[in-house]
């Protein structure tokens, strides 16, 4: 429980203390979007690695050598917890945007970092908007950014578990 609390403190502290950094990243992005992308990625990766270290987690990856490093990749994974994003993000070899639920767009500061990291907000209620998001993801891949999607649309407990949350409500 203490590790969870420490992780929450780090994440909330990062979001609050990063306000000046976000402003600097915005200015950098006006002159050089690639530089902003690179620096945003390095900053967020450092925070994610710190969070993983705080939790005491050991990450074992099997088959990572099969992931192309010189071309964008479409990652598709199960979504078991919020920790999935941290674990996957620190292992991908290049800038990767995530398909996130549209509601994440309403979280101050976090939505700025997500946009800087090429995340795409998917409106699950509006099929047309959802299709636009998928096309936007395809465009990101064409532009050299990998994309990660959790096609279940939400977190699942386990395959034999007592419930599976559906995106259809």
N, C-alpha and C. Protein backbone atom coordinates (compact mmCIF):
# COMPACT_ATOMS: atom_id res chain seq x y z
N UNK A 1 0.82 -1.19 0.00
CA UNK A 1 0.00 0.00 0.00
C UNK A 1 0.87 1.27 0.00
N UNK A 2 1.98 1.21 0.71
CA UNK A 2 2.86 2.38 0.78
C UNK A 2 3.45 2.69 -0.59
N UNK A 3 3.77 1.63 -1.35
CA UNK A 3 4.32 1.85 -2.69
C UNK A 3 3.30 2.48 -3.61
N UNK A 4 2.05 2.08 -3.48
CA UNK A 4 0.98 2.67 -4.28
C UNK A 4 0.84 4.16 -3.94
N UNK A 5 0.87 4.48 -2.66
CA UNK A 5 0.74 5.88 -2.24
C UNK A 5 1.93 6.69 -2.75
N UNK A 6 3.13 6.14 -2.66
CA UNK A 6 4.32 6.84 -3.17
C UNK A 6 4.22 7.06 -4.68
N UNK A 7 3.73 6.06 -5.40
CA UNK A 7 3.56 6.21 -6.85
C UNK A 7 2.56 7.31 -7.16
N UNK A 8 1.45 7.35 -6.43
CA UNK A 8 0.45 8.40 -6.63
C UNK A 8 1.05 9.78 -6.36
N UNK A 9 1.84 9.88 -5.30
CA UNK A 9 2.49 11.15 -4.97
C UNK A 9 3.43 11.58 -6.11
N UNK A 10 4.19 10.63 -6.64
CA UNK A 10 5.11 10.95 -7.74
C UNK A 10 4.33 11.44 -8.96
N UNK A 11 3.27 10.73 -9.32
CA UNK A 11 2.51 11.10 -10.52
C UNK A 11 1.83 12.46 -10.34
N UNK A 12 1.17 12.65 -9.23
CA UNK A 12 0.49 13.93 -8.99
C UNK A 12 1.52 15.06 -8.87
N UNK A 13 2.61 14.79 -8.15
CA UNK A 13 3.68 15.79 -8.04
C UNK A 13 4.26 16.15 -9.39
N UNK A 14 4.48 15.14 -10.21
CA UNK A 14 5.00 15.40 -11.56
C UNK A 14 4.04 16.29 -12.34
N UNK A 15 2.76 15.95 -12.33
CA UNK A 15 1.79 16.73 -13.10
C UNK A 15 1.75 18.19 -12.64
N UNK A 16 1.75 18.40 -11.34
CA UNK A 16 1.69 19.77 -10.82
C UNK A 16 3.00 20.52 -11.08
N UNK A 17 4.12 19.88 -10.79
CA UNK A 17 5.40 20.55 -10.94
C UNK A 17 5.83 20.70 -12.40
N UNK A 18 5.16 19.98 -13.28
CA UNK A 18 5.56 20.04 -14.69
C UNK A 18 4.90 21.19 -15.45
N UNK A 19 4.13 22.01 -14.79
CA UNK A 19 3.47 23.12 -15.50
C UNK A 19 4.48 24.01 -16.23
N UNK A 20 5.56 24.44 -15.58
CA UNK A 20 6.54 25.25 -16.33
C UNK A 20 7.19 24.46 -17.47
N UNK A 21 7.38 23.16 -17.27
CA UNK A 21 7.97 22.32 -18.31
C UNK A 21 7.02 22.22 -19.50
N UNK A 22 5.73 22.09 -19.22
CA UNK A 22 4.73 22.04 -20.30
C UNK A 22 4.76 23.32 -21.12
N UNK A 23 4.90 24.44 -20.45
CA UNK A 23 4.97 25.72 -21.16
C UNK A 23 6.23 25.76 -22.04
N UNK A 24 7.34 25.31 -21.47
CA UNK A 24 8.59 25.27 -22.25
C UNK A 24 8.45 24.31 -23.42
N UNK A 25 7.83 23.16 -23.21
CA UNK A 25 7.62 22.19 -24.29
C UNK A 25 6.73 22.79 -25.39
N UNK A 26 5.73 23.55 -25.00
CA UNK A 26 4.84 24.19 -25.97
C UNK A 26 5.63 25.18 -26.84
N UNK A 27 6.49 25.97 -26.19
CA UNK A 27 7.32 26.93 -26.94
C UNK A 27 8.28 26.19 -27.87
N UNK A 28 8.93 25.16 -27.35
CA UNK A 28 9.84 24.37 -28.18
C UNK A 28 9.10 23.80 -29.38
N UNK A 29 7.89 23.31 -29.15
CA UNK A 29 7.09 22.71 -30.22
C UNK A 29 6.72 23.69 -31.31
N UNK A 30 6.65 24.97 -30.99
CA UNK A 30 6.35 25.98 -32.01
C UNK A 30 7.50 26.10 -33.02
N UNK A 31 8.72 25.87 -32.56
CA UNK A 31 9.90 26.00 -33.43
C UNK A 31 10.38 24.67 -33.98
N UNK A 32 10.26 23.62 -33.16
CA UNK A 32 10.76 22.30 -33.58
C UNK A 32 9.92 21.20 -32.93
N UNK A 33 8.87 20.76 -33.60
CA UNK A 33 8.03 19.70 -33.03
C UNK A 33 8.81 18.41 -32.73
N UNK A 34 9.81 18.08 -33.54
CA UNK A 34 10.60 16.87 -33.31
C UNK A 34 11.39 16.98 -32.00
N UNK A 35 11.93 18.15 -31.72
CA UNK A 35 12.67 18.35 -30.47
C UNK A 35 11.73 18.23 -29.28
N UNK A 36 10.53 18.80 -29.40
CA UNK A 36 9.54 18.69 -28.33
C UNK A 36 9.16 17.23 -28.12
N UNK A 37 8.93 16.50 -29.21
CA UNK A 37 8.58 15.09 -29.09
C UNK A 37 9.65 14.32 -28.34
N UNK A 38 10.90 14.56 -28.72
CA UNK A 38 12.02 13.86 -28.10
C UNK A 38 12.16 14.20 -26.62
N UNK A 39 12.09 15.47 -26.29
CA UNK A 39 12.26 15.87 -24.89
C UNK A 39 11.06 15.43 -24.04
N UNK A 40 9.86 15.52 -24.58
CA UNK A 40 8.68 15.06 -23.84
C UNK A 40 8.78 13.57 -23.55
N UNK A 41 9.22 12.82 -24.54
CA UNK A 41 9.38 11.38 -24.38
C UNK A 41 10.40 11.07 -23.27
N UNK A 42 11.52 11.75 -23.28
CA UNK A 42 12.56 11.51 -22.27
C UNK A 42 12.05 11.84 -20.87
N UNK A 43 11.32 12.93 -20.74
CA UNK A 43 10.80 13.34 -19.42
C UNK A 43 9.81 12.32 -18.90
N UNK A 44 8.86 11.93 -19.73
CA UNK A 44 7.82 10.99 -19.30
C UNK A 44 8.42 9.61 -19.02
N UNK A 45 9.36 9.18 -19.84
CA UNK A 45 10.01 7.89 -19.59
C UNK A 45 10.73 7.89 -18.25
N UNK A 46 11.37 8.99 -17.90
CA UNK A 46 12.06 9.07 -16.61
C UNK A 46 11.07 8.92 -15.46
N UNK A 47 9.92 9.58 -15.56
CA UNK A 47 8.90 9.48 -14.51
C UNK A 47 8.32 8.07 -14.46
N UNK A 48 8.04 7.48 -15.62
CA UNK A 48 7.50 6.11 -15.64
C UNK A 48 8.50 5.12 -15.04
N UNK A 49 9.77 5.26 -15.38
CA UNK A 49 10.79 4.36 -14.81
C UNK A 49 10.88 4.53 -13.29
N UNK A 50 10.78 5.77 -12.83
CA UNK A 50 10.78 6.02 -11.39
C UNK A 50 9.59 5.32 -10.73
N UNK A 51 8.43 5.43 -11.34
CA UNK A 51 7.23 4.78 -10.79
C UNK A 51 7.41 3.27 -10.71
N UNK A 52 7.97 2.69 -11.75
CA UNK A 52 8.21 1.24 -11.75
C UNK A 52 9.21 0.86 -10.67
N UNK A 53 10.25 1.68 -10.50
CA UNK A 53 11.24 1.43 -9.46
C UNK A 53 10.60 1.52 -8.07
N UNK A 54 9.75 2.52 -7.85
CA UNK A 54 9.10 2.69 -6.56
C UNK A 54 8.23 1.48 -6.21
N UNK A 55 7.56 0.93 -7.21
CA UNK A 55 6.69 -0.21 -6.94
C UNK A 55 7.48 -1.48 -6.67
N UNK A 56 8.76 -1.48 -6.99
CA UNK A 56 9.57 -2.66 -6.77
C UNK A 56 9.33 -3.75 -7.80
N UNK A 57 8.73 -3.37 -8.91
CA UNK A 57 8.41 -4.34 -9.96
C UNK A 57 9.65 -4.77 -10.71
N UNK A 58 9.65 -6.02 -11.10
CA UNK A 58 10.68 -6.55 -11.99
C UNK A 58 9.99 -6.86 -13.30
N UNK A 59 10.52 -6.32 -14.37
CA UNK A 59 9.90 -6.49 -15.68
C UNK A 59 10.70 -7.52 -16.48
N UNK A 60 10.02 -8.57 -16.91
CA UNK A 60 10.64 -9.58 -17.76
C UNK A 60 9.92 -9.54 -19.11
N UNK A 61 10.68 -9.36 -20.17
CA UNK A 61 10.10 -9.28 -21.51
C UNK A 61 10.62 -10.44 -22.34
N UNK A 62 9.69 -11.13 -22.98
CA UNK A 62 10.06 -12.26 -23.83
C UNK A 62 9.77 -11.87 -25.27
N UNK A 63 10.74 -12.01 -26.13
CA UNK A 63 10.56 -11.74 -27.55
C UNK A 63 10.76 -10.31 -27.97
N UNK A 64 11.31 -9.48 -27.10
CA UNK A 64 11.51 -8.06 -27.42
C UNK A 64 12.43 -7.88 -28.63
N UNK A 65 13.32 -8.84 -28.85
CA UNK A 65 14.24 -8.75 -29.99
C UNK A 65 13.50 -8.83 -31.33
N UNK A 66 12.25 -9.28 -31.30
CA UNK A 66 11.47 -9.40 -32.54
C UNK A 66 10.74 -8.10 -32.92
N UNK A 67 10.78 -7.11 -32.05
CA UNK A 67 10.09 -5.84 -32.32
C UNK A 67 11.00 -4.97 -33.18
N UNK A 68 10.52 -4.54 -34.34
CA UNK A 68 11.35 -3.69 -35.21
C UNK A 68 11.69 -2.36 -34.52
N UNK A 69 12.91 -1.93 -34.66
CA UNK A 69 13.36 -0.67 -34.06
C UNK A 69 13.42 0.46 -35.08
N UNK A 70 13.40 0.11 -36.35
CA UNK A 70 13.58 1.12 -37.39
C UNK A 70 12.30 1.50 -38.12
N UNK A 71 11.17 1.01 -37.66
CA UNK A 71 9.90 1.30 -38.31
C UNK A 71 8.80 1.38 -37.26
N UNK A 72 7.76 2.16 -37.50
CA UNK A 72 6.67 2.23 -36.53
C UNK A 72 5.93 0.89 -36.43
N UNK A 73 5.37 0.65 -35.27
CA UNK A 73 4.71 -0.62 -34.98
C UNK A 73 3.33 -0.34 -34.40
N UNK A 74 2.38 -1.20 -34.70
CA UNK A 74 1.07 -1.17 -34.06
C UNK A 74 1.08 -2.22 -32.97
N UNK A 75 1.05 -1.77 -31.71
CA UNK A 75 1.03 -2.68 -30.56
C UNK A 75 -0.43 -2.90 -30.16
N UNK A 76 -0.77 -4.16 -29.93
CA UNK A 76 -2.12 -4.51 -29.50
C UNK A 76 -1.97 -5.37 -28.25
N UNK A 77 -2.64 -4.97 -27.16
CA UNK A 77 -2.44 -5.68 -25.89
C UNK A 77 -3.73 -5.73 -25.08
N UNK A 78 -3.75 -6.64 -24.12
CA UNK A 78 -4.83 -6.67 -23.14
C UNK A 78 -4.59 -5.53 -22.16
N UNK A 79 -5.67 -5.08 -21.55
CA UNK A 79 -5.58 -3.95 -20.62
C UNK A 79 -6.04 -4.43 -19.25
N UNK A 80 -5.08 -4.78 -18.41
CA UNK A 80 -5.42 -5.33 -17.09
C UNK A 80 -5.40 -4.27 -15.99
N UNK A 81 -4.60 -3.21 -16.16
CA UNK A 81 -4.54 -2.17 -15.13
C UNK A 81 -3.97 -0.89 -15.74
N UNK A 82 -4.00 0.17 -14.96
CA UNK A 82 -3.39 1.41 -15.41
C UNK A 82 -1.87 1.25 -15.56
N UNK A 83 -1.32 0.28 -14.86
CA UNK A 83 0.11 0.03 -14.89
C UNK A 83 0.57 -0.46 -16.26
N UNK A 84 -0.36 -0.98 -17.07
CA UNK A 84 -0.03 -1.47 -18.41
C UNK A 84 0.67 -0.40 -19.24
N UNK A 85 0.18 0.81 -19.15
CA UNK A 85 0.75 1.89 -19.95
C UNK A 85 2.19 2.15 -19.53
N UNK A 86 2.45 2.21 -18.23
CA UNK A 86 3.82 2.42 -17.76
C UNK A 86 4.74 1.31 -18.22
N UNK A 87 4.31 0.08 -18.03
CA UNK A 87 5.16 -1.07 -18.39
C UNK A 87 5.44 -1.13 -19.88
N UNK A 88 4.41 -0.91 -20.69
CA UNK A 88 4.64 -0.99 -22.13
C UNK A 88 5.44 0.20 -22.62
N UNK A 89 5.18 1.36 -22.08
CA UNK A 89 5.84 2.56 -22.60
C UNK A 89 7.35 2.54 -22.40
N UNK A 90 7.80 2.00 -21.27
CA UNK A 90 9.25 2.00 -21.03
C UNK A 90 9.96 0.93 -21.86
N UNK A 91 9.22 0.02 -22.48
CA UNK A 91 9.83 -1.05 -23.26
C UNK A 91 9.81 -0.80 -24.77
N UNK A 92 8.98 0.11 -25.24
CA UNK A 92 8.91 0.34 -26.68
C UNK A 92 10.14 1.13 -27.12
N UNK A 93 10.68 0.79 -28.30
CA UNK A 93 11.96 1.40 -28.70
C UNK A 93 11.85 2.78 -29.34
N UNK A 94 10.65 3.29 -29.56
CA UNK A 94 10.51 4.59 -30.22
C UNK A 94 9.25 5.28 -29.70
N UNK A 95 9.06 6.51 -30.12
CA UNK A 95 7.88 7.27 -29.69
C UNK A 95 6.62 6.49 -30.04
N UNK A 96 5.76 6.33 -29.05
CA UNK A 96 4.53 5.55 -29.23
C UNK A 96 3.36 6.32 -28.65
N UNK A 97 2.34 6.52 -29.46
CA UNK A 97 1.10 7.13 -28.99
C UNK A 97 0.13 6.03 -28.59
N UNK A 98 -0.71 6.33 -27.66
CA UNK A 98 -1.71 5.37 -27.20
C UNK A 98 -3.10 5.83 -27.62
N UNK A 99 -3.94 4.88 -27.92
CA UNK A 99 -5.35 5.18 -28.14
C UNK A 99 -5.96 5.19 -26.74
N UNK A 100 -6.49 6.33 -26.33
CA UNK A 100 -7.04 6.50 -24.99
C UNK A 100 -8.51 6.88 -25.08
N UNK A 101 -9.24 6.53 -24.05
CA UNK A 101 -10.66 6.91 -24.06
C UNK A 101 -10.78 8.43 -24.03
N UNK A 102 -11.81 8.92 -24.69
CA UNK A 102 -12.03 10.35 -24.87
C UNK A 102 -12.09 11.10 -23.54
N UNK A 103 -12.58 10.45 -22.52
CA UNK A 103 -12.73 11.09 -21.22
C UNK A 103 -11.38 11.52 -20.63
N UNK A 104 -10.29 10.89 -21.06
CA UNK A 104 -8.96 11.27 -20.58
C UNK A 104 -8.59 12.68 -21.03
N UNK A 105 -9.23 13.14 -22.08
CA UNK A 105 -8.97 14.48 -22.61
C UNK A 105 -9.36 15.57 -21.61
N UNK A 106 -10.21 15.22 -20.64
CA UNK A 106 -10.71 16.18 -19.65
C UNK A 106 -9.84 16.29 -18.41
N UNK A 107 -8.76 15.52 -18.33
CA UNK A 107 -7.89 15.56 -17.16
C UNK A 107 -6.79 16.59 -17.39
N UNK A 108 -6.84 17.70 -16.65
CA UNK A 108 -5.87 18.77 -16.86
C UNK A 108 -4.43 18.27 -16.68
N UNK A 109 -3.53 18.86 -17.39
CA UNK A 109 -2.10 18.58 -17.40
C UNK A 109 -1.79 17.22 -18.03
N UNK A 110 -2.46 16.17 -17.60
CA UNK A 110 -2.23 14.85 -18.18
C UNK A 110 -2.54 14.87 -19.68
N UNK A 111 -3.64 15.54 -20.05
CA UNK A 111 -4.00 15.58 -21.48
C UNK A 111 -2.94 16.30 -22.32
N UNK A 112 -2.26 17.27 -21.74
CA UNK A 112 -1.18 17.96 -22.47
C UNK A 112 -0.03 17.01 -22.74
N UNK A 113 0.41 16.29 -21.70
CA UNK A 113 1.49 15.32 -21.90
C UNK A 113 1.08 14.26 -22.90
N UNK A 114 -0.17 13.81 -22.82
CA UNK A 114 -0.64 12.77 -23.75
C UNK A 114 -0.60 13.28 -25.19
N UNK A 115 -1.02 14.51 -25.41
CA UNK A 115 -0.98 15.07 -26.76
C UNK A 115 0.46 15.20 -27.26
N UNK A 116 1.37 15.62 -26.39
CA UNK A 116 2.77 15.75 -26.78
C UNK A 116 3.38 14.40 -27.15
N UNK A 117 2.81 13.33 -26.60
CA UNK A 117 3.31 11.97 -26.87
C UNK A 117 2.47 11.26 -27.93
N UNK A 118 1.70 12.02 -28.69
CA UNK A 118 0.93 11.51 -29.83
C UNK A 118 -0.22 10.58 -29.44
N UNK A 119 -0.75 10.72 -28.24
CA UNK A 119 -1.91 9.92 -27.87
C UNK A 119 -3.13 10.43 -28.62
N UNK A 120 -4.03 9.52 -28.91
CA UNK A 120 -5.24 9.84 -29.66
C UNK A 120 -6.43 9.51 -28.77
N UNK A 121 -7.35 10.44 -28.66
CA UNK A 121 -8.50 10.26 -27.80
C UNK A 121 -9.66 9.70 -28.62
N UNK A 122 -10.13 8.52 -28.22
CA UNK A 122 -11.18 7.80 -28.94
C UNK A 122 -12.52 7.99 -28.26
N UNK A 123 -13.46 8.55 -29.00
CA UNK A 123 -14.82 8.71 -28.49
C UNK A 123 -15.58 7.41 -28.78
N UNK A 124 -15.81 6.62 -27.74
CA UNK A 124 -16.44 5.31 -27.90
C UNK A 124 -17.94 5.41 -28.10
N UNK A 125 -18.51 6.57 -27.86
CA UNK A 125 -19.95 6.75 -28.00
C UNK A 125 -20.35 7.16 -29.42
N UNK A 126 -19.43 7.75 -30.15
CA UNK A 126 -19.73 8.29 -31.48
C UNK A 126 -18.90 7.52 -32.52
N UNK A 127 -19.56 6.71 -33.31
CA UNK A 127 -18.87 5.86 -34.27
C UNK A 127 -18.07 6.68 -35.28
N UNK A 128 -18.65 7.78 -35.75
CA UNK A 128 -17.93 8.63 -36.72
C UNK A 128 -16.65 9.21 -36.13
N UNK A 129 -16.75 9.72 -34.92
CA UNK A 129 -15.57 10.27 -34.26
C UNK A 129 -14.56 9.16 -33.98
N UNK A 130 -15.05 7.98 -33.64
CA UNK A 130 -14.16 6.84 -33.42
C UNK A 130 -13.39 6.49 -34.68
N UNK A 131 -14.07 6.52 -35.82
CA UNK A 131 -13.42 6.22 -37.08
C UNK A 131 -12.36 7.27 -37.41
N UNK A 132 -12.66 8.54 -37.10
CA UNK A 132 -11.68 9.60 -37.32
C UNK A 132 -10.42 9.35 -36.47
N UNK A 133 -10.62 8.86 -35.26
CA UNK A 133 -9.49 8.56 -34.39
C UNK A 133 -8.64 7.43 -34.96
N UNK A 134 -9.29 6.41 -35.50
CA UNK A 134 -8.56 5.30 -36.10
C UNK A 134 -7.77 5.78 -37.32
N UNK A 135 -8.38 6.64 -38.14
CA UNK A 135 -7.67 7.20 -39.30
C UNK A 135 -6.50 8.08 -38.85
N UNK A 136 -6.71 8.80 -37.76
CA UNK A 136 -5.63 9.63 -37.20
C UNK A 136 -4.47 8.74 -36.74
N UNK A 137 -4.79 7.59 -36.15
CA UNK A 137 -3.74 6.65 -35.72
C UNK A 137 -2.98 6.11 -36.93
N UNK A 138 -3.70 5.80 -38.00
CA UNK A 138 -3.05 5.33 -39.22
C UNK A 138 -2.11 6.40 -39.78
N UNK A 139 -2.52 7.65 -39.70
CA UNK A 139 -1.68 8.75 -40.16
C UNK A 139 -0.43 8.89 -39.29
N UNK A 140 -0.58 8.72 -37.99
CA UNK A 140 0.58 8.78 -37.08
C UNK A 140 1.59 7.70 -37.45
N UNK A 141 1.10 6.49 -37.75
CA UNK A 141 2.00 5.40 -38.13
C UNK A 141 2.73 5.76 -39.43
N UNK A 142 2.00 6.35 -40.39
CA UNK A 142 2.64 6.78 -41.63
C UNK A 142 3.72 7.82 -41.38
N UNK A 143 3.53 8.63 -40.31
CA UNK A 143 4.50 9.67 -39.97
C UNK A 143 5.61 9.18 -39.05
N UNK A 144 5.66 7.87 -38.79
CA UNK A 144 6.77 7.30 -38.03
C UNK A 144 6.54 7.11 -36.55
N UNK A 145 5.31 7.30 -36.07
CA UNK A 145 5.01 7.13 -34.65
C UNK A 145 4.30 5.79 -34.46
N UNK A 146 4.81 4.98 -33.55
CA UNK A 146 4.13 3.72 -33.23
C UNK A 146 2.84 4.02 -32.47
N UNK A 147 1.91 3.09 -32.51
CA UNK A 147 0.63 3.25 -31.82
C UNK A 147 0.36 2.00 -30.99
N UNK A 148 -0.17 2.20 -29.79
CA UNK A 148 -0.57 1.09 -28.93
C UNK A 148 -2.06 1.22 -28.65
N UNK A 149 -2.76 0.11 -28.80
CA UNK A 149 -4.19 0.10 -28.54
C UNK A 149 -4.53 -1.11 -27.68
N UNK A 150 -5.44 -0.89 -26.77
CA UNK A 150 -6.00 -1.95 -25.95
C UNK A 150 -7.41 -2.18 -26.49
N UNK A 151 -7.59 -3.12 -27.43
CA UNK A 151 -8.87 -3.23 -28.14
C UNK A 151 -10.06 -3.63 -27.27
N UNK A 152 -9.81 -4.14 -26.07
CA UNK A 152 -10.93 -4.45 -25.19
C UNK A 152 -11.68 -3.18 -24.82
N UNK A 153 -11.00 -2.06 -24.90
CA UNK A 153 -11.63 -0.77 -24.64
C UNK A 153 -11.62 -0.37 -23.19
N UNK A 154 -11.27 -1.27 -22.30
CA UNK A 154 -11.22 -0.97 -20.88
C UNK A 154 -10.42 -2.06 -20.19
N UNK A 155 -10.29 -1.95 -18.89
CA UNK A 155 -9.51 -2.95 -18.17
C UNK A 155 -10.33 -4.20 -17.90
N UNK A 156 -9.66 -5.36 -17.91
CA UNK A 156 -10.31 -6.62 -17.57
C UNK A 156 -9.65 -7.18 -16.33
N UNK A 157 -10.43 -7.92 -15.56
CA UNK A 157 -9.89 -8.50 -14.34
C UNK A 157 -8.96 -9.66 -14.67
N UNK A 158 -9.48 -10.71 -15.23
CA UNK A 158 -8.68 -11.81 -15.75
C UNK A 158 -9.58 -12.66 -16.64
N UNK A 159 -8.97 -13.57 -17.38
CA UNK A 159 -9.74 -14.31 -18.38
C UNK A 159 -10.76 -15.23 -17.74
N UNK A 160 -10.51 -15.71 -16.54
CA UNK A 160 -11.48 -16.56 -15.86
C UNK A 160 -12.18 -15.80 -14.74
N UNK A 161 -12.00 -14.49 -14.74
CA UNK A 161 -12.48 -13.66 -13.64
C UNK A 161 -13.99 -13.52 -13.58
N UNK A 162 -14.42 -12.79 -12.57
CA UNK A 162 -15.84 -12.65 -12.31
C UNK A 162 -16.52 -11.64 -13.21
N UNK A 163 -15.73 -10.77 -13.84
CA UNK A 163 -16.38 -9.80 -14.73
C UNK A 163 -15.43 -9.36 -15.84
N UNK A 164 -16.01 -8.94 -16.89
CA UNK A 164 -15.28 -8.29 -17.97
C UNK A 164 -16.09 -7.07 -18.34
N UNK A 165 -15.45 -5.91 -18.22
CA UNK A 165 -16.17 -4.69 -18.55
C UNK A 165 -16.19 -4.54 -20.06
N UNK A 166 -17.31 -4.16 -20.56
CA UNK A 166 -17.47 -4.03 -22.00
C UNK A 166 -17.49 -2.56 -22.38
N UNK A 167 -17.09 -2.27 -23.61
CA UNK A 167 -17.16 -0.88 -24.08
C UNK A 167 -18.59 -0.50 -24.44
N UNK A 168 -19.42 -1.49 -24.68
CA UNK A 168 -20.83 -1.21 -24.95
C UNK A 168 -21.55 -1.12 -23.62
N UNK A 169 -22.12 -0.01 -23.35
CA UNK A 169 -22.80 0.17 -22.06
C UNK A 169 -24.27 0.27 -22.25
